[in-house]
Amino acid sequence: MRLGLALPHYSSDPADGAATWERVARIANVAEESGFASVWVSDHLFVDWGKYGASAEPQGSLECWTTLSAL
């Protein structure tokens, strides 16, 4: 069985800070070193986090195709 990991390329919690390239790249490297077969990002640039119980304030996101290309 091959497993992949969805990268946190968006911010859903203001206390967690904005999504940054450095953070996403570090997590992707750890995933590769840990044996994950793939990493994923979604193309949901605008998410209503309020409906999931998080703050309804707009949060940052790294654009998916640019993020994958850079990785």
PDB file of N, CA and C in Angstrom:
ATOM      1  N   MET A   1       0.841  -1.154   0.000  1.00  0.00           N
ATOM      2  CA  MET A   1       0.000   0.000   0.000  1.00  0.00           C
ATOM      3  C   MET A   1       0.900   1.235   0.000  1.00  0.00           C
ATOM      4  N   ARG A   2       0.544   2.206  -0.843  1.00  0.00           N
ATOM      5  CA  ARG A   2       1.272   3.476  -0.901  1.00  0.00           C
ATOM      6  C   ARG A   2       0.400   4.569  -0.292  1.00  0.00           C
ATOM      7  N   LEU A   3       1.009   5.382   0.537  1.00  0.00           N
ATOM      8  CA  LEU A   3       0.273   6.450   1.205  1.00  0.00           C
ATOM      9  C   LEU A   3       0.797   7.813   0.778  1.00  0.00           C
ATOM     10  N   GLY A   4      -0.103   8.781   0.737  1.00  0.00           N
ATOM     11  CA  GLY A   4       0.259  10.158   0.444  1.00  0.00           C
ATOM     12  C   GLY A   4      -0.143  11.054   1.606  1.00  0.00           C
ATOM     13  N   LEU A   5       0.285  12.301   1.535  1.00  0.00           N
ATOM     14  CA  LEU A   5       0.020  13.254   2.603  1.00  0.00           C
ATOM     15  C   LEU A   5      -0.506  14.550   2.005  1.00  0.00           C
ATOM     16  N   ALA A   6      -1.612  15.049   2.543  1.00  0.00           N
ATOM     17  CA  ALA A   6      -2.151  16.344   2.128  1.00  0.00           C
ATOM     18  C   ALA A   6      -1.400  17.437   2.891  1.00  0.00           C
ATOM     19  N   LEU A   7      -0.757  18.321   2.159  1.00  0.00           N
ATOM     20  CA  LEU A   7       0.037  19.384   2.777  1.00  0.00           C
ATOM     21  C   LEU A   7      -0.849  20.519   3.284  1.00  0.00           C
ATOM     22  N   PRO A   8      -0.482  21.124   4.397  1.00  0.00           N
ATOM     23  CA  PRO A   8      -1.255  22.252   4.938  1.00  0.00           C
ATOM     24  C   PRO A   8      -0.861  23.558   4.246  1.00  0.00           C
ATOM     25  N   HIS A   9      -1.332  23.758   3.027  1.00  0.00           N
ATOM     26  CA  HIS A   9      -0.940  24.935   2.252  1.00  0.00           C
ATOM     27  C   HIS A   9      -1.931  26.081   2.420  1.00  0.00           C
ATOM     28  N   TYR A  10      -2.770  25.991   3.401  1.00  0.00           N
ATOM     29  CA  TYR A  10      -3.744  27.031   3.709  1.00  0.00           C
ATOM     30  C   TYR A  10      -3.750  27.221   5.221  1.00  0.00           C
ATOM     31  N   SER A  11      -4.314  28.299   5.676  1.00  0.00           N
ATOM     32  CA  SER A  11      -4.419  28.572   7.111  1.00  0.00           C
ATOM     33  C   SER A  11      -5.876  28.487   7.517  1.00  0.00           C
ATOM     34  N   SER A  12      -6.185  27.629   8.461  1.00  0.00           N
ATOM     35  CA  SER A  12      -7.562  27.527   8.944  1.00  0.00           C
ATOM     36  C   SER A  12      -7.695  28.024  10.376  1.00  0.00           C
ATOM     37  N   ASP A  13      -6.574  28.327  11.001  1.00  0.00           N
ATOM     38  CA  ASP A  13      -6.586  28.765  12.392  1.00  0.00           C
ATOM     39  C   ASP A  13      -5.664  29.974  12.546  1.00  0.00           C
ATOM     40  N   PRO A  14      -6.218  31.151  12.836  1.00  0.00           N
ATOM     41  CA  PRO A  14      -5.370  32.340  12.969  1.00  0.00           C
ATOM     42  C   PRO A  14      -4.255  32.174  14.000  1.00  0.00           C
ATOM     43  N   ALA A  15      -4.469  31.384  15.029  1.00  0.00           N
ATOM     44  CA  ALA A  15      -3.450  31.172  16.051  1.00  0.00           C
ATOM     45  C   ALA A  15      -2.273  30.363  15.512  1.00  0.00           C
ATOM     46  N   ASP A  16      -2.506  29.617  14.427  1.00  0.00           N
ATOM     47  CA  ASP A  16      -1.476  28.769  13.834  1.00  0.00           C
ATOM     48  C   ASP A  16      -0.570  29.562  12.899  1.00  0.00           C
ATOM     49  N   GLY A  17      -0.942  30.759  12.555  1.00  0.00           N
ATOM     50  CA  GLY A  17      -0.141  31.572  11.649  1.00  0.00           C
ATOM     51  C   GLY A  17      -0.489  31.299  10.192  1.00  0.00           C
ATOM     52  N   ALA A  18       0.005  32.151   9.335  1.00  0.00           N
ATOM     53  CA  ALA A  18      -0.279  32.032   7.904  1.00  0.00           C
ATOM     54  C   ALA A  18       0.477  30.857   7.298  1.00  0.00           C
ATOM     55  N   ALA A  19      -0.084  30.315   6.250  1.00  0.00           N
ATOM     56  CA  ALA A  19       0.610  29.276   5.495  1.00  0.00           C
ATOM     57  C   ALA A  19       1.830  29.911   4.838  1.00  0.00           C
ATOM     58  N   THR A  20       2.995  29.297   4.995  1.00  0.00           N
ATOM     59  CA  THR A  20       4.211  29.834   4.389  1.00  0.00           C
ATOM     60  C   THR A  20       4.881  28.763   3.543  1.00  0.00           C
ATOM     61  N   TRP A  21       5.625  29.226   2.546  1.00  0.00           N
ATOM     62  CA  TRP A  21       6.363  28.301   1.686  1.00  0.00           C
ATOM     63  C   TRP A  21       7.344  27.475   2.516  1.00  0.00           C
ATOM     64  N   GLU A  22       8.046  28.096   3.445  1.00  0.00           N
ATOM     65  CA  GLU A  22       9.039  27.383   4.253  1.00  0.00           C
ATOM     66  C   GLU A  22       8.404  26.229   5.018  1.00  0.00           C
ATOM     67  N   ARG A  23       7.261  26.476   5.599  1.00  0.00           N
ATOM     68  CA  ARG A  23       6.569  25.438   6.376  1.00  0.00           C
ATOM     69  C   ARG A  23       6.112  24.289   5.477  1.00  0.00           C
ATOM     70  N   VAL A  24       5.499  24.620   4.351  1.00  0.00           N
ATOM     71  CA  VAL A  24       5.012  23.584   3.434  1.00  0.00           C
ATOM     72  C   VAL A  24       6.183  22.769   2.884  1.00  0.00           C
ATOM     73  N   ALA A  25       7.268  23.429   2.494  1.00  0.00           N
ATOM     74  CA  ALA A  25       8.437  22.723   1.961  1.00  0.00           C
ATOM     75  C   ALA A  25       9.050  21.806   3.014  1.00  0.00           C
ATOM     76  N   ARG A  26       9.127  22.277   4.262  1.00  0.00           N
ATOM     77  CA  ARG A  26       9.690  21.447   5.339  1.00  0.00           C
ATOM     78  C   ARG A  26       8.843  20.197   5.560  1.00  0.00           C
ATOM     79  N   ILE A  27       7.530  20.363   5.587  1.00  0.00           N
ATOM     80  CA  ILE A  27       6.641  19.215   5.791  1.00  0.00           C
ATOM     81  C   ILE A  27       6.735  18.249   4.614  1.00  0.00           C
ATOM     82  N   ALA A  28       6.834  18.773   3.390  1.00  0.00           N
ATOM     83  CA  ALA A  28       6.979  17.907   2.212  1.00  0.00           C
ATOM     84  C   ALA A  28       8.277  17.108   2.283  1.00  0.00           C
ATOM     85  N   ASN A  29       9.360  17.734   2.723  1.00  0.00           N
ATOM     86  CA  ASN A  29      10.635  17.025   2.858  1.00  0.00           C
ATOM     87  C   ASN A  29      10.555  15.932   3.912  1.00  0.00           C
ATOM     88  N   VAL A  30       9.927  16.225   5.032  1.00  0.00           N
ATOM     89  CA  VAL A  30       9.761  15.214   6.084  1.00  0.00           C
ATOM     90  C   VAL A  30       8.897  14.062   5.573  1.00  0.00           C
ATOM     91  N   ALA A  31       7.855  14.382   4.803  1.00  0.00           N
ATOM     92  CA  ALA A  31       6.997  13.333   4.241  1.00  0.00           C
ATOM     93  C   ALA A  31       7.803  12.419   3.328  1.00  0.00           C
ATOM     94  N   GLU A  32       8.649  13.010   2.480  1.00  0.00           N
ATOM     95  CA  GLU A  32       9.472  12.200   1.578  1.00  0.00           C
ATOM     96  C   GLU A  32      10.452  11.335   2.361  1.00  0.00           C
ATOM     97  N   GLU A  33      11.113  11.924   3.354  1.00  0.00           N
ATOM     98  CA  GLU A  33      12.054  11.173   4.183  1.00  0.00           C
ATOM     99  C   GLU A  33      11.363  10.059   4.963  1.00  0.00           C
ATOM    100  N   SER A  34      10.081  10.238   5.257  1.00  0.00           N
ATOM    101  CA  SER A  34       9.321   9.253   6.031  1.00  0.00           C
ATOM    102  C   SER A  34       8.729   8.152   5.163  1.00  0.00           C
ATOM    103  N   GLY A  35       8.894   8.261   3.846  1.00  0.00           N
ATOM    104  CA  GLY A  35       8.440   7.199   2.965  1.00  0.00           C
ATOM    105  C   GLY A  35       7.083   7.401   2.322  1.00  0.00           C
ATOM    106  N   PHE A  36       6.482   8.568   2.463  1.00  0.00           N
ATOM    107  CA  PHE A  36       5.211   8.812   1.783  1.00  0.00           C
ATOM    108  C   PHE A  36       5.439   8.787   0.281  1.00  0.00           C
ATOM    109  N   ALA A  37       4.487   8.223  -0.452  1.00  0.00           N
ATOM    110  CA  ALA A  37       4.610   8.082  -1.902  1.00  0.00           C
ATOM    111  C   ALA A  37       4.287   9.370  -2.642  1.00  0.00           C
ATOM    112  N   SER A  38       3.516  10.248  -2.022  1.00  0.00           N
ATOM    113  CA  SER A  38       3.104  11.479  -2.701  1.00  0.00           C
ATOM    114  C   SER A  38       2.700  12.526  -1.676  1.00  0.00           C
ATOM    115  N   VAL A  39       2.655  13.762  -2.144  1.00  0.00           N
ATOM    116  CA  VAL A  39       2.080  14.850  -1.353  1.00  0.00           C
ATOM    117  C   VAL A  39       1.030  15.525  -2.219  1.00  0.00           C
ATOM    118  N   TRP A  40       0.020  16.062  -1.580  1.00  0.00           N
ATOM    119  CA  TRP A  40      -1.096  16.671  -2.302  1.00  0.00           C
ATOM    120  C   TRP A  40      -1.376  18.060  -1.767  1.00  0.00           C
ATOM    121  N   VAL A  41      -1.953  18.869  -2.627  1.00  0.00           N
ATOM    122  CA  VAL A  41      -2.536  20.145  -2.220  1.00  0.00           C
ATOM    123  C   VAL A  41      -3.878  20.266  -2.921  1.00  0.00           C
ATOM    124  N   SER A  42      -4.775  21.028  -2.348  1.00  0.00           N
ATOM    125  CA  SER A  42      -6.094  21.208  -2.965  1.00  0.00           C
ATOM    126  C   SER A  42      -6.138  22.543  -3.693  1.00  0.00           C
ATOM    127  N   ASP A  43      -7.137  22.703  -4.535  1.00  0.00           N
ATOM    128  CA  ASP A  43      -7.266  23.968  -5.262  1.00  0.00           C
ATOM    129  C   ASP A  43      -8.414  24.806  -4.716  1.00  0.00           C
ATOM    130  N   HIS A  44      -8.680  24.664  -3.434  1.00  0.00           N
ATOM    131  CA  HIS A  44      -9.713  25.463  -2.771  1.00  0.00           C
ATOM    132  C   HIS A  44      -9.069  26.745  -2.260  1.00  0.00           C
ATOM    133  N   LEU A  45      -9.083  27.784  -3.079  1.00  0.00           N
ATOM    134  CA  LEU A  45      -8.432  29.029  -2.688  1.00  0.00           C
ATOM    135  C   LEU A  45      -9.255  29.831  -1.698  1.00  0.00           C
ATOM    136  N   PHE A  46     -10.559  29.667  -1.751  1.00  0.00           N
ATOM    137  CA  PHE A  46     -11.451  30.405  -0.860  1.00  0.00           C
ATOM    138  C   PHE A  46     -12.336  29.409  -0.134  1.00  0.00           C
ATOM    139  N   VAL A  47     -12.116  29.252   1.156  1.00  0.00           N
ATOM    140  CA  VAL A  47     -12.868  28.290   1.955  1.00  0.00           C
ATOM    141  C   VAL A  47     -13.584  29.041   3.069  1.00  0.00           C
ATOM    142  N   ASP A  48     -14.833  28.721   3.281  1.00  0.00           N
ATOM    143  CA  ASP A  48     -15.599  29.304   4.383  1.00  0.00           C
ATOM    144  C   ASP A  48     -15.344  28.466   5.631  1.00  0.00           C
ATOM    145  N   TRP A  49     -14.237  28.772   6.327  1.00  0.00           N
ATOM    146  CA  TRP A  49     -13.860  27.979   7.495  1.00  0.00           C
ATOM    147  C   TRP A  49     -14.870  28.111   8.623  1.00  0.00           C
ATOM    148  N   GLY A  50     -15.673  29.166   8.621  1.00  0.00           N
ATOM    149  CA  GLY A  50     -16.673  29.356   9.657  1.00  0.00           C
ATOM    150  C   GLY A  50     -17.657  28.204   9.738  1.00  0.00           C
ATOM    151  N   LYS A  51     -17.967  27.581   8.606  1.00  0.00           N
ATOM    152  CA  LYS A  51     -18.913  26.462   8.637  1.00  0.00           C
ATOM    153  C   LYS A  51     -18.309  25.203   9.249  1.00  0.00           C
ATOM    154  N   TYR A  52     -16.987  25.208   9.470  1.00  0.00           N
ATOM    155  CA  TYR A  52     -16.331  24.078  10.126  1.00  0.00           C
ATOM    156  C   TYR A  52     -15.981  24.383  11.574  1.00  0.00           C
ATOM    157  N   GLY A  53     -16.445  25.543  12.064  1.00  0.00           N
ATOM    158  CA  GLY A  53     -16.210  25.897  13.454  1.00  0.00           C
ATOM    159  C   GLY A  53     -14.991  26.773  13.683  1.00  0.00           C
ATOM    160  N   ALA A  54     -14.230  27.070  12.637  1.00  0.00           N
ATOM    161  CA  ALA A  54     -13.054  27.932  12.775  1.00  0.00           C
ATOM    162  C   ALA A  54     -13.478  29.390  12.617  1.00  0.00           C
ATOM    163  N   SER A  55     -12.533  30.273  12.745  1.00  0.00           N
ATOM    164  CA  SER A  55     -12.811  31.691  12.553  1.00  0.00           C
ATOM    165  C   SER A  55     -13.302  31.942  11.130  1.00  0.00           C
ATOM    166  N   ALA A  56     -14.271  32.818  10.991  1.00  0.00           N
ATOM    167  CA  ALA A  56     -14.798  33.149   9.665  1.00  0.00           C
ATOM    168  C   ALA A  56     -13.944  34.204   8.965  1.00  0.00           C
ATOM    169  N   GLU A  57     -12.904  34.695   9.636  1.00  0.00           N
ATOM    170  CA  GLU A  57     -12.010  35.680   9.021  1.00  0.00           C
ATOM    171  C   GLU A  57     -11.284  35.043   7.837  1.00  0.00           C
ATOM    172  N   PRO A  58     -11.042  35.805   6.774  1.00  0.00           N
ATOM    173  CA  PRO A  58     -10.303  35.266   5.616  1.00  0.00           C
ATOM    174  C   PRO A  58      -8.908  34.801   6.034  1.00  0.00           C
ATOM    175  N   GLN A  59      -8.487  33.693   5.497  1.00  0.00           N
ATOM    176  CA  GLN A  59      -7.181  33.119   5.808  1.00  0.00           C
ATOM    177  C   GLN A  59      -6.346  33.017   4.540  1.00  0.00           C
ATOM    178  N   GLY A  60      -5.045  32.899   4.697  1.00  0.00           N
ATOM    179  CA  GLY A  60      -4.144  32.809   3.559  1.00  0.00           C
ATOM    180  C   GLY A  60      -4.082  31.413   2.973  1.00  0.00           C
ATOM    181  N   SER A  61      -3.620  31.348   1.732  1.00  0.00           N
ATOM    182  CA  SER A  61      -3.476  30.078   1.039  1.00  0.00           C
ATOM    183  C   SER A  61      -2.362  30.203   0.018  1.00  0.00           C
ATOM    184  N   LEU A  62      -1.596  29.141  -0.153  1.00  0.00           N
ATOM    185  CA  LEU A  62      -0.610  29.098  -1.226  1.00  0.00           C
ATOM    186  C   LEU A  62      -1.276  28.459  -2.437  1.00  0.00           C
ATOM    187  N   GLU A  63      -1.153  29.072  -3.596  1.00  0.00           N
ATOM    188  CA  GLU A  63      -1.794  28.576  -4.815  1.00  0.00           C
ATOM    189  C   GLU A  63      -1.238  27.196  -5.148  1.00  0.00           C
ATOM    190  N   CYS A  64      -2.123  26.263  -5.491  1.00  0.00           N
ATOM    191  CA  CYS A  64      -1.753  24.845  -5.578  1.00  0.00           C
ATOM    192  C   CYS A  64      -0.748  24.526  -6.678  1.00  0.00           C
ATOM    193  N   TRP A  65      -0.948  25.011  -7.885  1.00  0.00           N
ATOM    194  CA  TRP A  65      -0.059  24.632  -8.998  1.00  0.00           C
ATOM    195  C   TRP A  65       1.339  25.215  -8.817  1.00  0.00           C
ATOM    196  N   THR A  66       1.430  26.416  -8.316  1.00  0.00           N
ATOM    197  CA  THR A  66       2.734  27.021  -8.056  1.00  0.00           C
ATOM    198  C   THR A  66       3.446  26.273  -6.937  1.00  0.00           C
ATOM    199  N   THR A  67       2.707  25.906  -5.904  1.00  0.00           N
ATOM    200  CA  THR A  67       3.290  25.169  -4.784  1.00  0.00           C
ATOM    201  C   THR A  67       3.834  23.823  -5.242  1.00  0.00           C
ATOM    202  N   LEU A  68       3.051  23.066  -6.007  1.00  0.00           N
ATOM    203  CA  LEU A  68       3.517  21.764  -6.496  1.00  0.00           C
ATOM    204  C   LEU A  68       4.709  21.906  -7.430  1.00  0.00           C
ATOM    205  N   SER A  69       4.683  22.916  -8.291  1.00  0.00           N
ATOM    206  CA  SER A  69       5.807  23.136  -9.209  1.00  0.00           C
ATOM    207  C   SER A  69       7.082  23.447  -8.440  1.00  0.00           C
ATOM    208  N   ALA A  70       6.975  24.242  -7.399  1.00  0.00           N
ATOM    209  CA  ALA A  70       8.146  24.604  -6.607  1.00  0.00           C
ATOM    210  C   ALA A  70       8.704  23.409  -5.842  1.00  0.00           C
ATOM    211  N   LEU A  71       7.825  22.515  -5.402  1.00  0.00           N
ATOM    212  CA  LEU A  71       8.291  21.330  -4.682  1.00  0.00           C
ATOM    213  C   LEU A  71       9.029  20.398  -5.617  1.00  0.00           C
TER     214      LEU A  71
END
